[in-house]
Amino acid sequence: MRKRERYIDQALRHRVKQLDGLYLKLTNPAGIPDRLVLFPGGRAGFIEVKRPGETPRPLQHYWINKLQKMGFFVTYEDSIEGGELFIDKILEG
């Protein structure tokens, strides 16, 4: 994971932990979003963390779309602020 991406990832992990959630790294299958975020009360979402200005690769878009069509909350973010909005949306339910 590149430096800027790692910085965003670490900030999001810290925020989720502050909120008593779990920030889990996913590795299989290829292209699946980087992280699964879980909060008490059954709130969950998938996030693909990118460097600022970077967008998902075609296989990542495939998985984002597939998971969204199945009803999961899934996004990609390239900033801490975007990641925090993602967390807020999960918590809103």
PDB file of N, CA and C in Angstrom:
ATOM      1  N   MET A   1       0.851  -1.165   0.000  1.00  0.00           N
ATOM      2  CA  MET A   1       0.000   0.000   0.000  1.00  0.00           C
ATOM      3  C   MET A   1       0.902   1.235   0.000  1.00  0.00           C
ATOM      4  N   ARG A   2       0.628   2.154  -0.873  1.00  0.00           N
ATOM      5  CA  ARG A   2       1.469   3.338  -0.992  1.00  0.00           C
ATOM      6  C   ARG A   2       1.310   4.246   0.215  1.00  0.00           C
ATOM      7  N   LYS A   3       2.301   5.128   0.420  1.00  0.00           N
ATOM      8  CA  LYS A   3       2.368   5.945   1.628  1.00  0.00           C
ATOM      9  C   LYS A   3       1.091   6.744   1.888  1.00  0.00           C
ATOM     10  N   ARG A   4       0.611   7.492   0.907  1.00  0.00           N
ATOM     11  CA  ARG A   4      -0.578   8.314   1.126  1.00  0.00           C
ATOM     12  C   ARG A   4      -1.804   7.445   1.399  1.00  0.00           C
ATOM     13  N   GLU A   5      -1.899   6.350   0.691  1.00  0.00           N
ATOM     14  CA  GLU A   5      -3.014   5.419   0.908  1.00  0.00           C
ATOM     15  C   GLU A   5      -2.941   4.848   2.323  1.00  0.00           C
ATOM     16  N   ARG A   6      -1.758   4.526   2.766  1.00  0.00           N
ATOM     17  CA  ARG A   6      -1.559   3.982   4.111  1.00  0.00           C
ATOM     18  C   ARG A   6      -1.971   5.003   5.172  1.00  0.00           C
ATOM     19  N   TYR A   7      -1.650   6.265   4.929  1.00  0.00           N
ATOM     20  CA  TYR A   7      -2.020   7.331   5.866  1.00  0.00           C
ATOM     21  C   TYR A   7      -3.545   7.410   6.011  1.00  0.00           C
ATOM     22  N   ILE A   8      -4.258   7.358   4.897  1.00  0.00           N
ATOM     23  CA  ILE A   8      -5.725   7.382   4.910  1.00  0.00           C
ATOM     24  C   ILE A   8      -6.245   6.144   5.642  1.00  0.00           C
ATOM     25  N   ASP A   9      -5.683   4.996   5.310  1.00  0.00           N
ATOM     26  CA  ASP A   9      -6.093   3.736   5.922  1.00  0.00           C
ATOM     27  C   ASP A   9      -5.910   3.771   7.438  1.00  0.00           C
ATOM     28  N   GLN A  10      -4.769   4.255   7.908  1.00  0.00           N
ATOM     29  CA  GLN A  10      -4.499   4.317   9.349  1.00  0.00           C
ATOM     30  C   GLN A  10      -5.462   5.263  10.057  1.00  0.00           C
ATOM     31  N   ALA A  11      -5.767   6.393   9.435  1.00  0.00           N
ATOM     32  CA  ALA A  11      -6.702   7.351  10.037  1.00  0.00           C
ATOM     33  C   ALA A  11      -8.094   6.738  10.160  1.00  0.00           C
ATOM     34  N   LEU A  12      -8.531   6.018   9.129  1.00  0.00           N
ATOM     35  CA  LEU A  12      -9.852   5.389   9.174  1.00  0.00           C
ATOM     36  C   LEU A  12      -9.888   4.272  10.213  1.00  0.00           C
ATOM     37  N   ARG A  13      -8.824   3.489  10.285  1.00  0.00           N
ATOM     38  CA  ARG A  13      -8.754   2.416  11.281  1.00  0.00           C
ATOM     39  C   ARG A  13      -8.872   3.005  12.689  1.00  0.00           C
ATOM     40  N   HIS A  14      -8.163   4.095  12.935  1.00  0.00           N
ATOM     41  CA  HIS A  14      -8.198   4.743  14.239  1.00  0.00           C
ATOM     42  C   HIS A  14      -9.613   5.233  14.559  1.00  0.00           C
ATOM     43  N   ARG A  15     -10.271   5.858  13.596  1.00  0.00           N
ATOM     44  CA  ARG A  15     -11.628   6.389  13.805  1.00  0.00           C
ATOM     45  C   ARG A  15     -12.619   5.267  14.098  1.00  0.00           C
ATOM     46  N   VAL A  16     -12.540   4.178  13.337  1.00  0.00           N
ATOM     47  CA  VAL A  16     -13.445   3.038  13.560  1.00  0.00           C
ATOM     48  C   VAL A  16     -13.217   2.459  14.958  1.00  0.00           C
ATOM     49  N   LYS A  17     -11.970   2.327  15.356  1.00  0.00           N
ATOM     50  CA  LYS A  17     -11.656   1.798  16.682  1.00  0.00           C
ATOM     51  C   LYS A  17     -12.218   2.707  17.776  1.00  0.00           C
ATOM     52  N   GLN A  18     -12.126   4.034  17.598  1.00  0.00           N
ATOM     53  CA  GLN A  18     -12.682   4.987  18.569  1.00  0.00           C
ATOM     54  C   GLN A  18     -14.182   4.776  18.756  1.00  0.00           C
ATOM     55  N   LEU A  19     -14.840   4.334  17.702  1.00  0.00           N
ATOM     56  CA  LEU A  19     -16.288   4.137  17.714  1.00  0.00           C
ATOM     57  C   LEU A  19     -16.679   2.696  18.056  1.00  0.00           C
ATOM     58  N   ASP A  20     -15.727   1.924  18.614  1.00  0.00           N
ATOM     59  CA  ASP A  20     -15.947   0.528  19.024  1.00  0.00           C
ATOM     60  C   ASP A  20     -16.295  -0.393  17.864  1.00  0.00           C
ATOM     61  N   GLY A  21     -15.766  -0.079  16.684  1.00  0.00           N
ATOM     62  CA  GLY A  21     -15.999  -0.920  15.523  1.00  0.00           C
ATOM     63  C   GLY A  21     -14.785  -1.773  15.183  1.00  0.00           C
ATOM     64  N   LEU A  22     -14.946  -2.586  14.167  1.00  0.00           N
ATOM     65  CA  LEU A  22     -13.869  -3.421  13.646  1.00  0.00           C
ATOM     66  C   LEU A  22     -13.531  -2.957  12.240  1.00  0.00           C
ATOM     67  N   TYR A  23     -12.245  -2.908  11.932  1.00  0.00           N
ATOM     68  CA  TYR A  23     -11.744  -2.477  10.625  1.00  0.00           C
ATOM     69  C   TYR A  23     -10.901  -3.634  10.107  1.00  0.00           C
ATOM     70  N   LEU A  24     -11.510  -4.482   9.292  1.00  0.00           N
ATOM     71  CA  LEU A  24     -10.887  -5.737   8.891  1.00  0.00           C
ATOM     72  C   LEU A  24     -10.322  -5.675   7.482  1.00  0.00           C
ATOM     73  N   LYS A  25      -9.121  -6.189   7.319  1.00  0.00           N
ATOM     74  CA  LYS A  25      -8.482  -6.248   6.004  1.00  0.00           C
ATOM     75  C   LYS A  25      -8.956  -7.495   5.267  1.00  0.00           C
ATOM     76  N   LEU A  26      -9.380  -7.301   4.010  1.00  0.00           N
ATOM     77  CA  LEU A  26      -9.806  -8.418   3.165  1.00  0.00           C
ATOM     78  C   LEU A  26      -8.758  -8.629   2.083  1.00  0.00           C
ATOM     79  N   THR A  27      -8.450  -9.888   1.790  1.00  0.00           N
ATOM     80  CA  THR A  27      -7.410 -10.168   0.797  1.00  0.00           C
ATOM     81  C   THR A  27      -7.874 -11.042  -0.359  1.00  0.00           C
ATOM     82  N   ASN A  28      -8.989 -11.718  -0.228  1.00  0.00           N
ATOM     83  CA  ASN A  28      -9.460 -12.601  -1.291  1.00  0.00           C
ATOM     84  C   ASN A  28     -10.934 -12.385  -1.532  1.00  0.00           C
ATOM     85  N   PRO A  29     -11.441 -12.543  -2.695  1.00  0.00           N
ATOM     86  CA  PRO A  29     -10.728 -12.735  -3.954  1.00  0.00           C
ATOM     87  C   PRO A  29     -10.124 -11.424  -4.451  1.00  0.00           C
ATOM     88  N   ALA A  30      -9.319 -11.523  -5.474  1.00  0.00           N
ATOM     89  CA  ALA A  30      -8.675 -10.343  -6.056  1.00  0.00           C
ATOM     90  C   ALA A  30      -9.731  -9.325  -6.461  1.00  0.00           C
ATOM     91  N   GLY A  31      -9.469  -8.071  -6.146  1.00  0.00           N
ATOM     92  CA  GLY A  31     -10.365  -6.997  -6.541  1.00  0.00           C
ATOM     93  C   GLY A  31     -11.421  -6.633  -5.518  1.00  0.00           C
ATOM     94  N   ILE A  32     -11.610  -7.482  -4.502  1.00  0.00           N
ATOM     95  CA  ILE A  32     -12.611  -7.185  -3.470  1.00  0.00           C
ATOM     96  C   ILE A  32     -12.156  -5.935  -2.711  1.00  0.00           C
ATOM     97  N   PRO A  33     -13.085  -5.102  -2.218  1.00  0.00           N
ATOM     98  CA  PRO A  33     -12.660  -3.905  -1.486  1.00  0.00           C
ATOM     99  C   PRO A  33     -11.692  -4.235  -0.349  1.00  0.00           C
ATOM    100  N   ASP A  34     -10.778  -3.298  -0.085  1.00  0.00           N
ATOM    101  CA  ASP A  34      -9.719  -3.463   0.922  1.00  0.00           C
ATOM    102  C   ASP A  34     -10.214  -3.854   2.303  1.00  0.00           C
ATOM    103  N   ARG A  35     -11.259  -3.169   2.742  1.00  0.00           N
ATOM    104  CA  ARG A  35     -11.660  -3.279   4.137  1.00  0.00           C
ATOM    105  C   ARG A  35     -13.152  -3.554   4.317  1.00  0.00           C
ATOM    106  N   LEU A  36     -13.438  -4.301   5.362  1.00  0.00           N
ATOM    107  CA  LEU A  36     -14.800  -4.515   5.833  1.00  0.00           C
ATOM    108  C   LEU A  36     -14.884  -3.797   7.174  1.00  0.00           C
ATOM    109  N   VAL A  37     -15.838  -2.888   7.301  1.00  0.00           N
ATOM    110  CA  VAL A  37     -16.010  -2.098   8.515  1.00  0.00           C
ATOM    111  C   VAL A  37     -17.296  -2.560   9.199  1.00  0.00           C
ATOM    112  N   LEU A  38     -17.177  -2.941  10.473  1.00  0.00           N
ATOM    113  CA  LEU A  38     -18.305  -3.472  11.235  1.00  0.00           C
ATOM    114  C   LEU A  38     -18.496  -2.658  12.502  1.00  0.00           C
ATOM    115  N   PHE A  39     -19.767  -2.341  12.795  1.00  0.00           N
ATOM    116  CA  PHE A  39     -20.107  -1.633  14.022  1.00  0.00           C
ATOM    117  C   PHE A  39     -21.178  -2.408  14.769  1.00  0.00           C
ATOM    118  N   PRO A  40     -21.255  -2.194  16.090  1.00  0.00           N
ATOM    119  CA  PRO A  40     -22.317  -2.831  16.871  1.00  0.00           C
ATOM    120  C   PRO A  40     -23.683  -2.513  16.261  1.00  0.00           C
ATOM    121  N   GLY A  41     -24.594  -3.431  16.439  1.00  0.00           N
ATOM    122  CA  GLY A  41     -25.935  -3.253  15.902  1.00  0.00           C
ATOM    123  C   GLY A  41     -26.076  -3.763  14.484  1.00  0.00           C
ATOM    124  N   GLY A  42     -25.078  -4.498  14.001  1.00  0.00           N
ATOM    125  CA  GLY A  42     -25.161  -5.083  12.668  1.00  0.00           C
ATOM    126  C   GLY A  42     -24.915  -4.110  11.531  1.00  0.00           C
ATOM    127  N   ARG A  43     -24.268  -3.021  11.792  1.00  0.00           N
ATOM    128  CA  ARG A  43     -23.968  -2.035  10.740  1.00  0.00           C
ATOM    129  C   ARG A  43     -22.630  -2.384  10.108  1.00  0.00           C
ATOM    130  N   ALA A  44     -22.624  -2.399   8.759  1.00  0.00           N
ATOM    131  CA  ALA A  44     -21.421  -2.832   8.053  1.00  0.00           C
ATOM    132  C   ALA A  44     -21.294  -2.147   6.701  1.00  0.00           C
ATOM    133  N   GLY A  45     -20.073  -2.095   6.207  1.00  0.00           N
ATOM    134  CA  GLY A  45     -19.819  -1.571   4.878  1.00  0.00           C
ATOM    135  C   GLY A  45     -18.441  -1.989   4.388  1.00  0.00           C
ATOM    136  N   PHE A  46     -18.275  -1.955   3.087  1.00  0.00           N
ATOM    137  CA  PHE A  46     -16.996  -2.260   2.444  1.00  0.00           C
ATOM    138  C   PHE A  46     -16.417  -0.961   1.903  1.00  0.00           C
ATOM    139  N   ILE A  47     -15.095  -0.805   2.027  1.00  0.00           N
ATOM    140  CA  ILE A  47     -14.446   0.378   1.471  1.00  0.00           C
ATOM    141  C   ILE A  47     -13.141  -0.013   0.788  1.00  0.00           C
ATOM    142  N   GLU A  48     -12.947   0.537  -0.391  1.00  0.00           N
ATOM    143  CA  GLU A  48     -11.688   0.412  -1.129  1.00  0.00           C
ATOM    144  C   GLU A  48     -10.944   1.727  -0.916  1.00  0.00           C
ATOM    145  N   VAL A  49      -9.790   1.669  -0.265  1.00  0.00           N
ATOM    146  CA  VAL A  49      -9.002   2.865   0.027  1.00  0.00           C
ATOM    147  C   VAL A  49      -8.028   3.108  -1.113  1.00  0.00           C
ATOM    148  N   LYS A  50      -8.044   4.346  -1.622  1.00  0.00           N
ATOM    149  CA  LYS A  50      -7.188   4.727  -2.751  1.00  0.00           C
ATOM    150  C   LYS A  50      -6.335   5.937  -2.382  1.00  0.00           C
ATOM    151  N   ARG A  51      -5.251   6.112  -3.126  1.00  0.00           N
ATOM    152  CA  ARG A  51      -4.449   7.334  -2.993  1.00  0.00           C
ATOM    153  C   ARG A  51      -5.277   8.504  -3.503  1.00  0.00           C
ATOM    154  N   PRO A  52      -4.985   9.722  -3.036  1.00  0.00           N
ATOM    155  CA  PRO A  52      -5.717  10.889  -3.543  1.00  0.00           C
ATOM    156  C   PRO A  52      -5.684  10.957  -5.072  1.00  0.00           C
ATOM    157  N   GLY A  53      -6.871  11.082  -5.661  1.00  0.00           N
ATOM    158  CA  GLY A  53      -6.989  11.179  -7.113  1.00  0.00           C
ATOM    159  C   GLY A  53      -7.027   9.855  -7.853  1.00  0.00           C
ATOM    160  N   GLU A  54      -6.778   8.754  -7.176  1.00  0.00           N
ATOM    161  CA  GLU A  54      -6.764   7.435  -7.805  1.00  0.00           C
ATOM    162  C   GLU A  54      -8.173   6.848  -7.797  1.00  0.00           C
ATOM    163  N   THR A  55      -8.502   6.078  -8.827  1.00  0.00           N
ATOM    164  CA  THR A  55      -9.798   5.411  -8.914  1.00  0.00           C
ATOM    165  C   THR A  55      -9.588   3.894  -8.974  1.00  0.00           C
ATOM    166  N   PRO A  56     -10.627   3.135  -8.685  1.00  0.00           N
ATOM    167  CA  PRO A  56     -10.498   1.672  -8.711  1.00  0.00           C
ATOM    168  C   PRO A  56     -10.173   1.128 -10.110  1.00  0.00           C
ATOM    169  N   ARG A  57      -9.487   0.009 -10.110  1.00  0.00           N
ATOM    170  CA  ARG A  57      -9.198  -0.721 -11.353  1.00  0.00           C
ATOM    171  C   ARG A  57     -10.482  -1.420 -11.810  1.00  0.00           C
ATOM    172  N   PRO A  58     -10.546  -1.872 -13.056  1.00  0.00           N
ATOM    173  CA  PRO A  58     -11.766  -2.510 -13.563  1.00  0.00           C
ATOM    174  C   PRO A  58     -12.274  -3.668 -12.692  1.00  0.00           C
ATOM    175  N   LEU A  59     -11.395  -4.524 -12.210  1.00  0.00           N
ATOM    176  CA  LEU A  59     -11.821  -5.638 -11.366  1.00  0.00           C
ATOM    177  C   LEU A  59     -12.386  -5.122 -10.034  1.00  0.00           C
ATOM    178  N   GLN A  60     -11.827  -4.049  -9.523  1.00  0.00           N
ATOM    179  CA  GLN A  60     -12.350  -3.463  -8.298  1.00  0.00           C
ATOM    180  C   GLN A  60     -13.739  -2.862  -8.533  1.00  0.00           C
ATOM    181  N   HIS A  61     -13.923  -2.186  -9.676  1.00  0.00           N
ATOM    182  CA  HIS A  61     -15.248  -1.665 -10.034  1.00  0.00           C
ATOM    183  C   HIS A  61     -16.263  -2.809 -10.122  1.00  0.00           C
ATOM    184  N   TYR A  62     -15.845  -3.922 -10.707  1.00  0.00           N
ATOM    185  CA  TYR A  62     -16.719  -5.091 -10.813  1.00  0.00           C
ATOM    186  C   TYR A  62     -17.227  -5.496  -9.429  1.00  0.00           C
ATOM    187  N   TRP A  63     -16.307  -5.643  -8.453  1.00  0.00           N
ATOM    188  CA  TRP A  63     -16.700  -6.080  -7.120  1.00  0.00           C
ATOM    189  C   TRP A  63     -17.522  -5.027  -6.392  1.00  0.00           C
ATOM    190  N   ILE A  64     -17.167  -3.765  -6.545  1.00  0.00           N
ATOM    191  CA  ILE A  64     -17.958  -2.700  -5.918  1.00  0.00           C
ATOM    192  C   ILE A  64     -19.394  -2.768  -6.429  1.00  0.00           C
ATOM    193  N   ASN A  65     -19.557  -2.856  -7.738  1.00  0.00           N
ATOM    194  CA  ASN A  65     -20.899  -2.927  -8.327  1.00  0.00           C
ATOM    195  C   ASN A  65     -21.639  -4.188  -7.908  1.00  0.00           C
ATOM    196  N   LYS A  66     -20.968  -5.319  -7.908  1.00  0.00           N
ATOM    197  CA  LYS A  66     -21.599  -6.585  -7.529  1.00  0.00           C
ATOM    198  C   LYS A  66     -22.102  -6.539  -6.090  1.00  0.00           C
ATOM    199  N   LEU A  67     -21.268  -6.064  -5.186  1.00  0.00           N
ATOM    200  CA  LEU A  67     -21.661  -5.982  -3.780  1.00  0.00           C
ATOM    201  C   LEU A  67     -22.793  -4.977  -3.571  1.00  0.00           C
ATOM    202  N   GLN A  68     -22.755  -3.854  -4.290  1.00  0.00           N
ATOM    203  CA  GLN A  68     -23.836  -2.875  -4.194  1.00  0.00           C
ATOM    204  C   GLN A  68     -25.154  -3.464  -4.683  1.00  0.00           C
ATOM    205  N   LYS A  69     -25.128  -4.205  -5.783  1.00  0.00           N
ATOM    206  CA  LYS A  69     -26.343  -4.837  -6.307  1.00  0.00           C
ATOM    207  C   LYS A  69     -26.912  -5.871  -5.343  1.00  0.00           C
ATOM    208  N   MET A  70     -26.053  -6.436  -4.496  1.00  0.00           N
ATOM    209  CA  MET A  70     -26.497  -7.401  -3.494  1.00  0.00           C
ATOM    210  C   MET A  70     -27.054  -6.698  -2.254  1.00  0.00           C
ATOM    211  N   GLY A  71     -26.991  -5.362  -2.242  1.00  0.00           N
ATOM    212  CA  GLY A  71     -27.560  -4.607  -1.138  1.00  0.00           C
ATOM    213  C   GLY A  71     -26.577  -4.148  -0.077  1.00  0.00           C
ATOM    214  N   PHE A  72     -25.290  -4.362  -0.303  1.00  0.00           N
ATOM    215  CA  PHE A  72     -24.283  -3.932   0.669  1.00  0.00           C
ATOM    216  C   PHE A  72     -23.900  -2.476   0.438  1.00  0.00           C
ATOM    217  N   PHE A  73     -23.484  -1.807   1.505  1.00  0.00           N
ATOM    218  CA  PHE A  73     -22.985  -0.447   1.407  1.00  0.00           C
ATOM    219  C   PHE A  73     -21.501  -0.543   1.055  1.00  0.00           C
ATOM    220  N   VAL A  74     -21.143  -0.077  -0.143  1.00  0.00           N
ATOM    221  CA  VAL A  74     -19.782  -0.213  -0.658  1.00  0.00           C
ATOM    222  C   VAL A  74     -19.375   1.080  -1.338  1.00  0.00           C
ATOM    223  N   THR A  75     -18.138   1.486  -1.117  1.00  0.00           N
ATOM    224  CA  THR A  75     -17.626   2.671  -1.788  1.00  0.00           C
ATOM    225  C   THR A  75     -16.114   2.589  -1.899  1.00  0.00           C
ATOM    226  N   TYR A  76     -15.550   3.543  -2.609  1.00  0.00           N
ATOM    227  CA  TYR A  76     -14.104   3.742  -2.565  1.00  0.00           C
ATOM    228  C   TYR A  76     -13.883   5.187  -2.183  1.00  0.00           C
ATOM    229  N   GLU A  77     -12.810   5.436  -1.468  1.00  0.00           N
ATOM    230  CA  GLU A  77     -12.504   6.790  -1.026  1.00  0.00           C
ATOM    231  C   GLU A  77     -11.013   7.049  -1.181  1.00  0.00           C
ATOM    232  N   ASP A  78     -10.698   8.310  -1.516  1.00  0.00           N
ATOM    233  CA  ASP A  78      -9.301   8.698  -1.692  1.00  0.00           C
ATOM    234  C   ASP A  78      -8.896   9.824  -0.743  1.00  0.00           C
ATOM    235  N   SER A  79      -9.668   9.987   0.352  1.00  0.00           N
ATOM    236  CA  SER A  79      -9.338  11.013   1.343  1.00  0.00           C
ATOM    237  C   SER A  79      -9.852  10.582   2.711  1.00  0.00           C
ATOM    238  N   ILE A  80      -9.262  11.166   3.732  1.00  0.00           N
ATOM    239  CA  ILE A  80      -9.732  10.893   5.092  1.00  0.00           C
ATOM    240  C   ILE A  80     -11.158  11.399   5.252  1.00  0.00           C
ATOM    241  N   GLU A  81     -11.426  12.578   4.710  1.00  0.00           N
ATOM    242  CA  GLU A  81     -12.767  13.157   4.823  1.00  0.00           C
ATOM    243  C   GLU A  81     -13.817  12.260   4.174  1.00  0.00           C
ATOM    244  N   GLY A  82     -13.512  11.725   3.001  1.00  0.00           N
ATOM    245  CA  GLY A  82     -14.432  10.804   2.335  1.00  0.00           C
ATOM    246  C   GLY A  82     -14.645   9.543   3.150  1.00  0.00           C
ATOM    247  N   GLY A  83     -13.573   9.052   3.752  1.00  0.00           N
ATOM    248  CA  GLY A  83     -13.684   7.872   4.600  1.00  0.00           C
ATOM    249  C   GLY A  83     -14.523   8.128   5.832  1.00  0.00           C
ATOM    250  N   GLU A  84     -14.394   9.321   6.409  1.00  0.00           N
ATOM    251  CA  GLU A  84     -15.207   9.659   7.570  1.00  0.00           C
ATOM    252  C   GLU A  84     -16.689   9.769   7.203  1.00  0.00           C
ATOM    253  N   LEU A  85     -16.982  10.283   6.008  1.00  0.00           N
ATOM    254  CA  LEU A  85     -18.376  10.316   5.539  1.00  0.00           C
ATOM    255  C   LEU A  85     -18.920   8.901   5.377  1.00  0.00           C
ATOM    256  N   PHE A  86     -18.094   7.999   4.860  1.00  0.00           N
ATOM    257  CA  PHE A  86     -18.451   6.585   4.725  1.00  0.00           C
ATOM    258  C   PHE A  86     -18.820   6.016   6.100  1.00  0.00           C
ATOM    259  N   ILE A  87     -17.984   6.292   7.115  1.00  0.00           N
ATOM    260  CA  ILE A  87     -18.249   5.807   8.470  1.00  0.00           C
ATOM    261  C   ILE A  87     -19.566   6.382   8.992  1.00  0.00           C
ATOM    262  N   ASP A  88     -19.778   7.674   8.782  1.00  0.00           N
ATOM    263  CA  ASP A  88     -21.018   8.312   9.234  1.00  0.00           C
ATOM    264  C   ASP A  88     -22.245   7.662   8.598  1.00  0.00           C
ATOM    265  N   LYS A  89     -22.159   7.340   7.305  1.00  0.00           N
ATOM    266  CA  LYS A  89     -23.292   6.716   6.607  1.00  0.00           C
ATOM    267  C   LYS A  89     -23.590   5.329   7.156  1.00  0.00           C
ATOM    268  N   ILE A  90     -22.541   4.589   7.499  1.00  0.00           N
ATOM    269  CA  ILE A  90     -22.762   3.263   8.108  1.00  0.00           C
ATOM    270  C   ILE A  90     -23.485   3.432   9.437  1.00  0.00           C
ATOM    271  N   LEU A  91     -23.029   4.358  10.233  1.00  0.00           N
ATOM    272  CA  LEU A  91     -23.620   4.560  11.565  1.00  0.00           C
ATOM    273  C   LEU A  91     -25.050   5.069  11.495  1.00  0.00           C
ATOM    274  N   GLU A  92     -25.382   5.814  10.438  1.00  0.00           N
ATOM    275  CA  GLU A  92     -26.759   6.297  10.249  1.00  0.00           C
ATOM    276  C   GLU A  92     -27.697   5.152   9.928  1.00  0.00           C
ATOM    277  N   GLY A  93     -27.127   4.103   9.307  1.00  0.00           N
ATOM    278  CA  GLY A  93     -27.926   2.939   8.953  1.00  0.00           C
ATOM    279  C   GLY A  93     -28.671   3.155   7.704  1.00  0.00           C
TER     280      GLY A  93
END
